[in-house]
Amino acid sequence: SQPHVHDITFVQTWNQASQTIDLTKLAEELSTLLQAMLKESTLPEHYAAVSAVASAELEAKNGHGPQVLQYLSKVGKWAFDIASKIGTDMAVAALKNASGL
């Protein structure tokens, strides 16, 4: 099966981002972000974002950079704002790379 153009975009984005993003540290920060998001989740879209961050954390632990960005691209501004507020700088950088915020 051919990779989708969308998937290739995340590989290219990851190739650029991988110089500044450490997946081990990112996994730790995504775990911290996840806990903060769970405390503030009230809407269905919040829970969808929590799920995407959880998936991104798993992919980071497994060393799959492009997949991390693919999940983080679905997260949205709410998670980005929380990541910024709690000081998870690497998660903020990854979210920026993934979603173009």
PDB file of N, CA and C in Angstrom:
ATOM      1  N   SER A   1       0.840  -1.200   0.000  1.00  0.00           N
ATOM      2  CA  SER A   1       0.000   0.000   0.000  1.00  0.00           C
ATOM      3  C   SER A   1       0.871   1.244   0.000  1.00  0.00           C
ATOM      4  N   GLN A   2       0.437   2.225  -0.732  1.00  0.00           N
ATOM      5  CA  GLN A   2       1.175   3.485  -0.836  1.00  0.00           C
ATOM      6  C   GLN A   2       0.941   4.339   0.409  1.00  0.00           C
ATOM      7  N   PRO A   3       1.991   4.989   0.923  1.00  0.00           N
ATOM      8  CA  PRO A   3       1.740   5.912   2.029  1.00  0.00           C
ATOM      9  C   PRO A   3       0.909   7.091   1.534  1.00  0.00           C
ATOM     10  N   HIS A   4       0.053   7.586   2.384  1.00  0.00           N
ATOM     11  CA  HIS A   4      -0.759   8.745   2.012  1.00  0.00           C
ATOM     12  C   HIS A   4       0.101  10.004   2.047  1.00  0.00           C
ATOM     13  N   VAL A   5      -0.263  10.971   1.241  1.00  0.00           N
ATOM     14  CA  VAL A   5       0.463  12.243   1.202  1.00  0.00           C
ATOM     15  C   VAL A   5       0.507  12.850   2.603  1.00  0.00           C
ATOM     16  N   HIS A   6      -0.611  12.732   3.321  1.00  0.00           N
ATOM     17  CA  HIS A   6      -0.715  13.260   4.678  1.00  0.00           C
ATOM     18  C   HIS A   6       0.373  12.660   5.574  1.00  0.00           C
ATOM     19  N   ASP A   7       0.586  11.339   5.482  1.00  0.00           N
ATOM     20  CA  ASP A   7       1.601  10.653   6.293  1.00  0.00           C
ATOM     21  C   ASP A   7       3.001  11.160   5.952  1.00  0.00           C
ATOM     22  N   ILE A   8       3.254  11.366   4.666  1.00  0.00           N
ATOM     23  CA  ILE A   8       4.559  11.848   4.214  1.00  0.00           C
ATOM     24  C   ILE A   8       4.828  13.225   4.801  1.00  0.00           C
ATOM     25  N   THR A   9       3.804  14.058   4.880  1.00  0.00           N
ATOM     26  CA  THR A   9       3.946  15.383   5.475  1.00  0.00           C
ATOM     27  C   THR A   9       4.453  15.285   6.908  1.00  0.00           C
ATOM     28  N   PHE A  10       3.911  14.341   7.695  1.00  0.00           N
ATOM     29  CA  PHE A  10       4.343  14.190   9.076  1.00  0.00           C
ATOM     30  C   PHE A  10       5.778  13.670   9.166  1.00  0.00           C
ATOM     31  N   VAL A  11       6.174  12.820   8.218  1.00  0.00           N
ATOM     32  CA  VAL A  11       7.561  12.337   8.185  1.00  0.00           C
ATOM     33  C   VAL A  11       8.499  13.513   7.917  1.00  0.00           C
ATOM     34  N   GLN A  12       8.137  14.349   6.948  1.00  0.00           N
ATOM     35  CA  GLN A  12       8.966  15.521   6.623  1.00  0.00           C
ATOM     36  C   GLN A  12       9.025  16.488   7.804  1.00  0.00           C
ATOM     37  N   THR A  13       7.881  16.732   8.423  1.00  0.00           N
ATOM     38  CA  THR A  13       7.834  17.627   9.580  1.00  0.00           C
ATOM     39  C   THR A  13       8.692  17.063  10.707  1.00  0.00           C
ATOM     40  N   TRP A  14       8.581  15.743  10.925  1.00  0.00           N
ATOM     41  CA  TRP A  14       9.367  15.112  11.990  1.00  0.00           C
ATOM     42  C   TRP A  14      10.857  15.206  11.695  1.00  0.00           C
ATOM     43  N   ASN A  15      11.248  15.014  10.423  1.00  0.00           N
ATOM     44  CA  ASN A  15      12.675  15.086  10.072  1.00  0.00           C
ATOM     45  C   ASN A  15      13.263  16.436  10.459  1.00  0.00           C
ATOM     46  N   GLN A  16      12.464  17.488  10.344  1.00  0.00           N
ATOM     47  CA  GLN A  16      12.924  18.822  10.752  1.00  0.00           C
ATOM     48  C   GLN A  16      12.867  18.982  12.268  1.00  0.00           C
ATOM     49  N   ALA A  17      11.790  18.506  12.876  1.00  0.00           N
ATOM     50  CA  ALA A  17      11.576  18.709  14.313  1.00  0.00           C
ATOM     51  C   ALA A  17      12.474  17.831  15.177  1.00  0.00           C
ATOM     52  N   SER A  18      12.907  16.690  14.634  1.00  0.00           N
ATOM     53  CA  SER A  18      13.636  15.706  15.435  1.00  0.00           C
ATOM     54  C   SER A  18      14.958  16.237  15.975  1.00  0.00           C
ATOM     55  N   GLN A  19      15.473  17.297  15.371  1.00  0.00           N
ATOM     56  CA  GLN A  19      16.722  17.882  15.866  1.00  0.00           C
ATOM     57  C   GLN A  19      16.506  18.610  17.194  1.00  0.00           C
ATOM     58  N   THR A  20      15.283  19.043  17.437  1.00  0.00           N
ATOM     59  CA  THR A  20      15.028  19.804  18.664  1.00  0.00           C
ATOM     60  C   THR A  20      14.113  19.070  19.648  1.00  0.00           C
ATOM     61  N   ILE A  21      13.517  17.955  19.223  1.00  0.00           N
ATOM     62  CA  ILE A  21      12.568  17.248  20.085  1.00  0.00           C
ATOM     63  C   ILE A  21      13.123  15.886  20.483  1.00  0.00           C
ATOM     64  N   ASP A  22      13.294  15.703  21.780  1.00  0.00           N
ATOM     65  CA  ASP A  22      13.759  14.438  22.342  1.00  0.00           C
ATOM     66  C   ASP A  22      12.523  13.625  22.715  1.00  0.00           C
ATOM     67  N   LEU A  23      12.344  12.475  22.077  1.00  0.00           N
ATOM     68  CA  LEU A  23      11.112  11.695  22.275  1.00  0.00           C
ATOM     69  C   LEU A  23      10.944  11.197  23.716  1.00  0.00           C
ATOM     70  N   THR A  24      12.048  10.874  24.385  1.00  0.00           N
ATOM     71  CA  THR A  24      11.954  10.399  25.771  1.00  0.00           C
ATOM     72  C   THR A  24      11.427  11.512  26.673  1.00  0.00           C
ATOM     73  N   LYS A  25      12.002  12.699  26.521  1.00  0.00           N
ATOM     74  CA  LYS A  25      11.548  13.850  27.315  1.00  0.00           C
ATOM     75  C   LYS A  25      10.127  14.240  26.912  1.00  0.00           C
ATOM     76  N   LEU A  26       9.837  14.168  25.618  1.00  0.00           N
ATOM     77  CA  LEU A  26       8.497  14.500  25.139  1.00  0.00           C
ATOM     78  C   LEU A  26       7.458  13.560  25.747  1.00  0.00           C
ATOM     79  N   ALA A  27       7.767  12.271  25.825  1.00  0.00           N
ATOM     80  CA  ALA A  27       6.835  11.300  26.416  1.00  0.00           C
ATOM     81  C   ALA A  27       6.528  11.679  27.864  1.00  0.00           C
ATOM     82  N   GLU A  28       7.569  12.084  28.614  1.00  0.00           N
ATOM     83  CA  GLU A  28       7.372  12.513  30.009  1.00  0.00           C
ATOM     84  C   GLU A  28       6.469  13.743  30.078  1.00  0.00           C
ATOM     85  N   GLU A  29       6.736  14.713  29.208  1.00  0.00           N
ATOM     86  CA  GLU A  29       5.934  15.944  29.209  1.00  0.00           C
ATOM     87  C   GLU A  29       4.500  15.681  28.771  1.00  0.00           C
ATOM     88  N   LEU A  30       4.309  14.783  27.812  1.00  0.00           N
ATOM     89  CA  LEU A  30       2.947  14.461  27.375  1.00  0.00           C
ATOM     90  C   LEU A  30       2.178  13.780  28.503  1.00  0.00           C
ATOM     91  N   SER A  31       2.871  12.991  29.317  1.00  0.00           N
ATOM     92  CA  SER A  31       2.241  12.368  30.474  1.00  0.00           C
ATOM     93  C   SER A  31       1.777  13.439  31.469  1.00  0.00           C
ATOM     94  N   THR A  32       2.642  14.424  31.706  1.00  0.00           N
ATOM     95  CA  THR A  32       2.306  15.546  32.591  1.00  0.00           C
ATOM     96  C   THR A  32       1.130  16.336  32.019  1.00  0.00           C
ATOM     97  N   LEU A  33       1.190  16.601  30.718  1.00  0.00           N
ATOM     98  CA  LEU A  33       0.115  17.336  30.037  1.00  0.00           C
ATOM     99  C   LEU A  33      -1.202  16.574  30.139  1.00  0.00           C
ATOM    100  N   LEU A  34      -1.123  15.266  29.965  1.00  0.00           N
ATOM    101  CA  LEU A  34      -2.315  14.420  30.031  1.00  0.00           C
ATOM    102  C   LEU A  34      -3.015  14.555  31.379  1.00  0.00           C
ATOM    103  N   GLN A  35      -2.240  14.515  32.450  1.00  0.00           N
ATOM    104  CA  GLN A  35      -2.809  14.650  33.799  1.00  0.00           C
ATOM    105  C   GLN A  35      -3.499  16.005  33.963  1.00  0.00           C
ATOM    106  N   ALA A  36      -2.854  17.058  33.481  1.00  0.00           N
ATOM    107  CA  ALA A  36      -3.432  18.408  33.570  1.00  0.00           C
ATOM    108  C   ALA A  36      -4.713  18.508  32.746  1.00  0.00           C
ATOM    109  N   MET A  37      -4.710  17.900  31.567  1.00  0.00           N
ATOM    110  CA  MET A  37      -5.892  17.935  30.700  1.00  0.00           C
ATOM    111  C   MET A  37      -7.053  17.175  31.335  1.00  0.00           C
ATOM    112  N   LEU A  38      -6.749  16.034  31.948  1.00  0.00           N
ATOM    113  CA  LEU A  38      -7.809  15.243  32.588  1.00  0.00           C
ATOM    114  C   LEU A  38      -8.516  16.031  33.679  1.00  0.00           C
ATOM    115  N   LYS A  39      -7.743  16.837  34.412  1.00  0.00           N
ATOM    116  CA  LYS A  39      -8.331  17.649  35.493  1.00  0.00           C
ATOM    117  C   LYS A  39      -9.287  18.709  34.960  1.00  0.00           C
ATOM    118  N   GLU A  40      -9.015  19.172  33.726  1.00  0.00           N
ATOM    119  CA  GLU A  40      -9.799  20.293  33.180  1.00  0.00           C
ATOM    120  C   GLU A  40     -10.817  19.871  32.124  1.00  0.00           C
ATOM    121  N   SER A  41     -10.897  18.579  31.829  1.00  0.00           N
ATOM    122  CA  SER A  41     -11.809  18.105  30.779  1.00  0.00           C
ATOM    123  C   SER A  41     -13.261  18.218  31.214  1.00  0.00           C
ATOM    124  N   THR A  42     -14.053  18.906  30.397  1.00  0.00           N
ATOM    125  CA  THR A  42     -15.485  19.041  30.674  1.00  0.00           C
ATOM    126  C   THR A  42     -16.339  18.797  29.431  1.00  0.00           C
ATOM    127  N   LEU A  43     -15.746  18.903  28.258  1.00  0.00           N
ATOM    128  CA  LEU A  43     -16.497  18.812  26.999  1.00  0.00           C
ATOM    129  C   LEU A  43     -16.059  17.592  26.194  1.00  0.00           C
ATOM    130  N   PRO A  44     -16.917  17.090  25.318  1.00  0.00           N
ATOM    131  CA  PRO A  44     -16.540  15.938  24.488  1.00  0.00           C
ATOM    132  C   PRO A  44     -15.243  16.155  23.720  1.00  0.00           C
ATOM    133  N   GLU A  45     -15.056  17.365  23.186  1.00  0.00           N
ATOM    134  CA  GLU A  45     -13.824  17.615  22.424  1.00  0.00           C
ATOM    135  C   GLU A  45     -12.584  17.577  23.311  1.00  0.00           C
ATOM    136  N   HIS A  46     -12.765  17.873  24.610  1.00  0.00           N
ATOM    137  CA  HIS A  46     -11.642  17.754  25.544  1.00  0.00           C
ATOM    138  C   HIS A  46     -11.213  16.294  25.664  1.00  0.00           C
ATOM    139  N   TYR A  47     -12.185  15.400  25.799  1.00  0.00           N
ATOM    140  CA  TYR A  47     -11.866  13.973  25.932  1.00  0.00           C
ATOM    141  C   TYR A  47     -11.243  13.424  24.646  1.00  0.00           C
ATOM    142  N   ALA A  48     -11.665  13.931  23.513  1.00  0.00           N
ATOM    143  CA  ALA A  48     -11.053  13.539  22.239  1.00  0.00           C
ATOM    144  C   ALA A  48      -9.589  13.980  22.212  1.00  0.00           C
ATOM    145  N   ALA A  49      -9.313  15.180  22.714  1.00  0.00           N
ATOM    146  CA  ALA A  49      -7.939  15.681  22.772  1.00  0.00           C
ATOM    147  C   ALA A  49      -7.106  14.856  23.752  1.00  0.00           C
ATOM    148  N   VAL A  50      -7.701  14.490  24.893  1.00  0.00           N
ATOM    149  CA  VAL A  50      -7.012  13.645  25.878  1.00  0.00           C
ATOM    150  C   VAL A  50      -6.606  12.325  25.223  1.00  0.00           C
ATOM    151  N   SER A  51      -7.508  11.729  24.472  1.00  0.00           N
ATOM    152  CA  SER A  51      -7.232  10.471  23.789  1.00  0.00           C
ATOM    153  C   SER A  51      -6.073  10.622  22.808  1.00  0.00           C
ATOM    154  N   ALA A  52      -6.062  11.713  22.053  1.00  0.00           N
ATOM    155  CA  ALA A  52      -4.988  11.944  21.074  1.00  0.00           C
ATOM    156  C   ALA A  52      -3.643  12.139  21.767  1.00  0.00           C
ATOM    157  N   VAL A  53      -3.628  12.858  22.894  1.00  0.00           N
ATOM    158  CA  VAL A  53      -2.378  13.060  23.642  1.00  0.00           C
ATOM    159  C   VAL A  53      -1.886  11.734  24.228  1.00  0.00           C
ATOM    160  N   ALA A  54      -2.812  10.909  24.725  1.00  0.00           N
ATOM    161  CA  ALA A  54      -2.437   9.591  25.255  1.00  0.00           C
ATOM    162  C   ALA A  54      -1.801   8.743  24.153  1.00  0.00           C
ATOM    163  N   SER A  55      -2.389   8.769  22.966  1.00  0.00           N
ATOM    164  CA  SER A  55      -1.836   8.018  21.834  1.00  0.00           C
ATOM    165  C   SER A  55      -0.461   8.568  21.445  1.00  0.00           C
ATOM    166  N   ALA A  56      -0.324   9.890  21.445  1.00  0.00           N
ATOM    167  CA  ALA A  56       0.968  10.513  21.118  1.00  0.00           C
ATOM    168  C   ALA A  56       2.032  10.115  22.143  1.00  0.00           C
ATOM    169  N   GLU A  57       1.648  10.056  23.414  1.00  0.00           N
ATOM    170  CA  GLU A  57       2.595   9.641  24.462  1.00  0.00           C
ATOM    171  C   GLU A  57       3.086   8.212  24.207  1.00  0.00           C
ATOM    172  N   LEU A  58       2.167   7.304  23.873  1.00  0.00           N
ATOM    173  CA  LEU A  58       2.543   5.917  23.564  1.00  0.00           C
ATOM    174  C   LEU A  58       3.501   5.859  22.374  1.00  0.00           C
ATOM    175  N   GLU A  59       3.197   6.622  21.336  1.00  0.00           N
ATOM    176  CA  GLU A  59       4.059   6.631  20.147  1.00  0.00           C
ATOM    177  C   GLU A  59       5.439   7.204  20.479  1.00  0.00           C
ATOM    178  N   ALA A  60       5.491   8.224  21.344  1.00  0.00           N
ATOM    179  CA  ALA A  60       6.772   8.810  21.753  1.00  0.00           C
ATOM    180  C   ALA A  60       7.603   7.775  22.508  1.00  0.00           C
ATOM    181  N   LYS A  61       6.956   7.019  23.404  1.00  0.00           N
ATOM    182  CA  LYS A  61       7.659   5.968  24.151  1.00  0.00           C
ATOM    183  C   LYS A  61       8.206   4.898  23.221  1.00  0.00           C
ATOM    184  N   ASN A  62       7.514   4.669  22.108  1.00  0.00           N
ATOM    185  CA  ASN A  62       7.933   3.659  21.137  1.00  0.00           C
ATOM    186  C   ASN A  62       8.886   4.210  20.074  1.00  0.00           C
ATOM    187  N   GLY A  63       9.204   5.509  20.182  1.00  0.00           N
ATOM    188  CA  GLY A  63      10.168   6.108  19.262  1.00  0.00           C
ATOM    189  C   GLY A  63       9.641   6.437  17.880  1.00  0.00           C
ATOM    190  N   HIS A  64       8.338   6.602  17.763  1.00  0.00           N
ATOM    191  CA  HIS A  64       7.706   6.876  16.460  1.00  0.00           C
ATOM    192  C   HIS A  64       7.363   8.364  16.317  1.00  0.00           C
ATOM    193  N   GLY A  65       8.353   9.160  15.945  1.00  0.00           N
ATOM    194  CA  GLY A  65       8.175  10.611  15.846  1.00  0.00           C
ATOM    195  C   GLY A  65       7.055  11.075  14.923  1.00  0.00           C
ATOM    196  N   PRO A  66       7.014  10.580  13.665  1.00  0.00           N
ATOM    197  CA  PRO A  66       5.947  11.052  12.765  1.00  0.00           C
ATOM    198  C   PRO A  66       4.547  10.764  13.297  1.00  0.00           C
ATOM    199  N   GLN A  67       4.364   9.601  13.935  1.00  0.00           N
ATOM    200  CA  GLN A  67       3.046   9.256  14.481  1.00  0.00           C
ATOM    201  C   GLN A  67       2.690  10.160  15.667  1.00  0.00           C
ATOM    202  N   VAL A  68       3.700  10.544  16.448  1.00  0.00           N
ATOM    203  CA  VAL A  68       3.467  11.493  17.546  1.00  0.00           C
ATOM    204  C   VAL A  68       2.858  12.771  16.982  1.00  0.00           C
ATOM    205  N   LEU A  69       3.485  13.297  15.936  1.00  0.00           N
ATOM    206  CA  LEU A  69       2.999  14.546  15.337  1.00  0.00           C
ATOM    207  C   LEU A  69       1.609  14.367  14.740  1.00  0.00           C
ATOM    208  N   GLN A  70       1.369  13.190  14.166  1.00  0.00           N
ATOM    209  CA  GLN A  70       0.059  12.935  13.565  1.00  0.00           C
ATOM    210  C   GLN A  70      -1.036  13.001  14.629  1.00  0.00           C
ATOM    211  N   TYR A  71      -0.813  12.364  15.782  1.00  0.00           N
ATOM    212  CA  TYR A  71      -1.801  12.445  16.870  1.00  0.00           C
ATOM    213  C   TYR A  71      -1.909  13.865  17.419  1.00  0.00           C
ATOM    214  N   LEU A  72      -0.771  14.518  17.593  1.00  0.00           N
ATOM    215  CA  LEU A  72      -0.810  15.868  18.169  1.00  0.00           C
ATOM    216  C   LEU A  72      -1.488  16.865  17.241  1.00  0.00           C
ATOM    217  N   SER A  73      -1.520  16.574  15.940  1.00  0.00           N
ATOM    218  CA  SER A  73      -2.175  17.488  15.001  1.00  0.00           C
ATOM    219  C   SER A  73      -3.683  17.541  15.238  1.00  0.00           C
ATOM    220  N   LYS A  74      -4.218  16.550  15.956  1.00  0.00           N
ATOM    221  CA  LYS A  74      -5.665  16.474  16.205  1.00  0.00           C
ATOM    222  C   LYS A  74      -6.073  17.117  17.529  1.00  0.00           C
ATOM    223  N   VAL A  75      -5.100  17.613  18.275  1.00  0.00           N
ATOM    224  CA  VAL A  75      -5.343  17.984  19.666  1.00  0.00           C
ATOM    225  C   VAL A  75      -6.023  19.348  19.825  1.00  0.00           C
ATOM    226  N   GLY A  76      -5.602  20.339  19.069  1.00  0.00           N
ATOM    227  CA  GLY A  76      -6.252  21.643  19.117  1.00  0.00           C
ATOM    228  C   GLY A  76      -5.673  22.618  20.132  1.00  0.00           C
ATOM    229  N   LYS A  77      -6.247  23.812  20.106  1.00  0.00           N
ATOM    230  CA  LYS A  77      -5.712  24.939  20.873  1.00  0.00           C
ATOM    231  C   LYS A  77      -5.860  24.753  22.383  1.00  0.00           C
ATOM    232  N   TRP A  78      -6.919  24.102  22.817  1.00  0.00           N
ATOM    233  CA  TRP A  78      -7.151  23.907  24.255  1.00  0.00           C
ATOM    234  C   TRP A  78      -5.958  23.200  24.904  1.00  0.00           C
ATOM    235  N   ALA A  79      -5.510  22.113  24.303  1.00  0.00           N
ATOM    236  CA  ALA A  79      -4.361  21.369  24.840  1.00  0.00           C
ATOM    237  C   ALA A  79      -3.088  22.203  24.746  1.00  0.00           C
ATOM    238  N   PHE A  80      -2.943  22.942  23.651  1.00  0.00           N
ATOM    239  CA  PHE A  80      -1.780  23.813  23.472  1.00  0.00           C
ATOM    240  C   PHE A  80      -1.727  24.850  24.590  1.00  0.00           C
ATOM    241  N   ASP A  81      -2.878  25.435  24.908  1.00  0.00           N
ATOM    242  CA  ASP A  81      -2.944  26.440  25.978  1.00  0.00           C
ATOM    243  C   ASP A  81      -2.565  25.844  27.326  1.00  0.00           C
ATOM    244  N   ILE A  82      -3.032  24.636  27.599  1.00  0.00           N
ATOM    245  CA  ILE A  82      -2.687  23.970  28.863  1.00  0.00           C
ATOM    246  C   ILE A  82      -1.193  23.662  28.892  1.00  0.00           C
ATOM    247  N   ALA A  83      -0.655  23.137  27.808  1.00  0.00           N
ATOM    248  CA  ALA A  83       0.779  22.820  27.733  1.00  0.00           C
ATOM    249  C   ALA A  83       1.619  24.073  27.985  1.00  0.00           C
ATOM    250  N   SER A  84       1.184  25.202  27.414  1.00  0.00           N
ATOM    251  CA  SER A  84       1.894  26.470  27.608  1.00  0.00           C
ATOM    252  C   SER A  84       1.820  26.900  29.067  1.00  0.00           C
ATOM    253  N   LYS A  85       0.636  26.753  29.655  1.00  0.00           N
ATOM    254  CA  LYS A  85       0.395  27.202  31.026  1.00  0.00           C
ATOM    255  C   LYS A  85       1.214  26.407  32.044  1.00  0.00           C
ATOM    256  N   ILE A  86       1.351  25.079  31.822  1.00  0.00           N
ATOM    257  CA  ILE A  86       2.049  24.251  32.805  1.00  0.00           C
ATOM    258  C   ILE A  86       3.549  24.151  32.529  1.00  0.00           C
ATOM    259  N   GLY A  87       4.014  24.776  31.442  1.00  0.00           N
ATOM    260  CA  GLY A  87       5.446  24.859  31.185  1.00  0.00           C
ATOM    261  C   GLY A  87       6.082  23.617  30.588  1.00  0.00           C
ATOM    262  N   THR A  88       5.299  22.819  29.875  1.00  0.00           N
ATOM    263  CA  THR A  88       5.869  21.656  29.186  1.00  0.00           C
ATOM    264  C   THR A  88       6.362  22.115  27.813  1.00  0.00           C
ATOM    265  N   ASP A  89       7.571  22.698  27.810  1.00  0.00           N
ATOM    266  CA  ASP A  89       8.081  23.392  26.623  1.00  0.00           C
ATOM    267  C   ASP A  89       8.261  22.486  25.410  1.00  0.00           C
ATOM    268  N   MET A  90       8.723  21.246  25.651  1.00  0.00           N
ATOM    269  CA  MET A  90       8.922  20.339  24.520  1.00  0.00           C
ATOM    270  C   MET A  90       7.574  19.928  23.922  1.00  0.00           C
ATOM    271  N   ALA A  91       6.572  19.729  24.782  1.00  0.00           N
ATOM    272  CA  ALA A  91       5.223  19.412  24.289  1.00  0.00           C
ATOM    273  C   ALA A  91       4.671  20.587  23.482  1.00  0.00           C
ATOM    274  N   VAL A  92       4.920  21.810  23.956  1.00  0.00           N
ATOM    275  CA  VAL A  92       4.484  23.002  23.222  1.00  0.00           C
ATOM    276  C   VAL A  92       5.139  23.032  21.841  1.00  0.00           C
ATOM    277  N   ALA A  93       6.450  22.761  21.795  1.00  0.00           N
ATOM    278  CA  ALA A  93       7.173  22.764  20.511  1.00  0.00           C
ATOM    279  C   ALA A  93       6.608  21.695  19.583  1.00  0.00           C
ATOM    280  N   ALA A  94       6.345  20.507  20.132  1.00  0.00           N
ATOM    281  CA  ALA A  94       5.813  19.416  19.310  1.00  0.00           C
ATOM    282  C   ALA A  94       4.417  19.756  18.791  1.00  0.00           C
ATOM    283  N   LEU A  95       3.591  20.341  19.650  1.00  0.00           N
ATOM    284  CA  LEU A  95       2.241  20.741  19.233  1.00  0.00           C
ATOM    285  C   LEU A  95       2.307  21.796  18.132  1.00  0.00           C
ATOM    286  N   LYS A  96       3.247  22.754  18.255  1.00  0.00           N
ATOM    287  CA  LYS A  96       3.418  23.775  17.224  1.00  0.00           C
ATOM    288  C   LYS A  96       3.799  23.120  15.899  1.00  0.00           C
ATOM    289  N   ASN A  97       4.752  22.194  15.954  1.00  0.00           N
ATOM    290  CA  ASN A  97       5.193  21.505  14.734  1.00  0.00           C
ATOM    291  C   ASN A  97       4.059  20.712  14.107  1.00  0.00           C
ATOM    292  N   ALA A  98       3.263  20.063  14.948  1.00  0.00           N
ATOM    293  CA  ALA A  98       2.222  19.159  14.454  1.00  0.00           C
ATOM    294  C   ALA A  98       1.060  19.897  13.824  1.00  0.00           C
ATOM    295  N   SER A  99       0.696  21.041  14.422  1.00  0.00           N
ATOM    296  CA  SER A  99      -0.542  21.679  13.996  1.00  0.00           C
ATOM    297  C   SER A  99      -0.333  23.027  13.342  1.00  0.00           C
ATOM    298  N   GLY A 100       0.900  23.492  13.300  1.00  0.00           N
ATOM    299  CA  GLY A 100       1.164  24.771  12.690  1.00  0.00           C
ATOM    300  C   GLY A 100       0.617  25.945  13.476  1.00  0.00           C
ATOM    301  N   LEU A 101       0.448  25.776  14.790  1.00  0.00           N
ATOM    302  CA  LEU A 101      -0.059  26.879  15.632  1.00  0.00           C
ATOM    303  C   LEU A 101       0.981  27.982  15.746  1.00  0.00           C
TER     304      LEU A 101
END
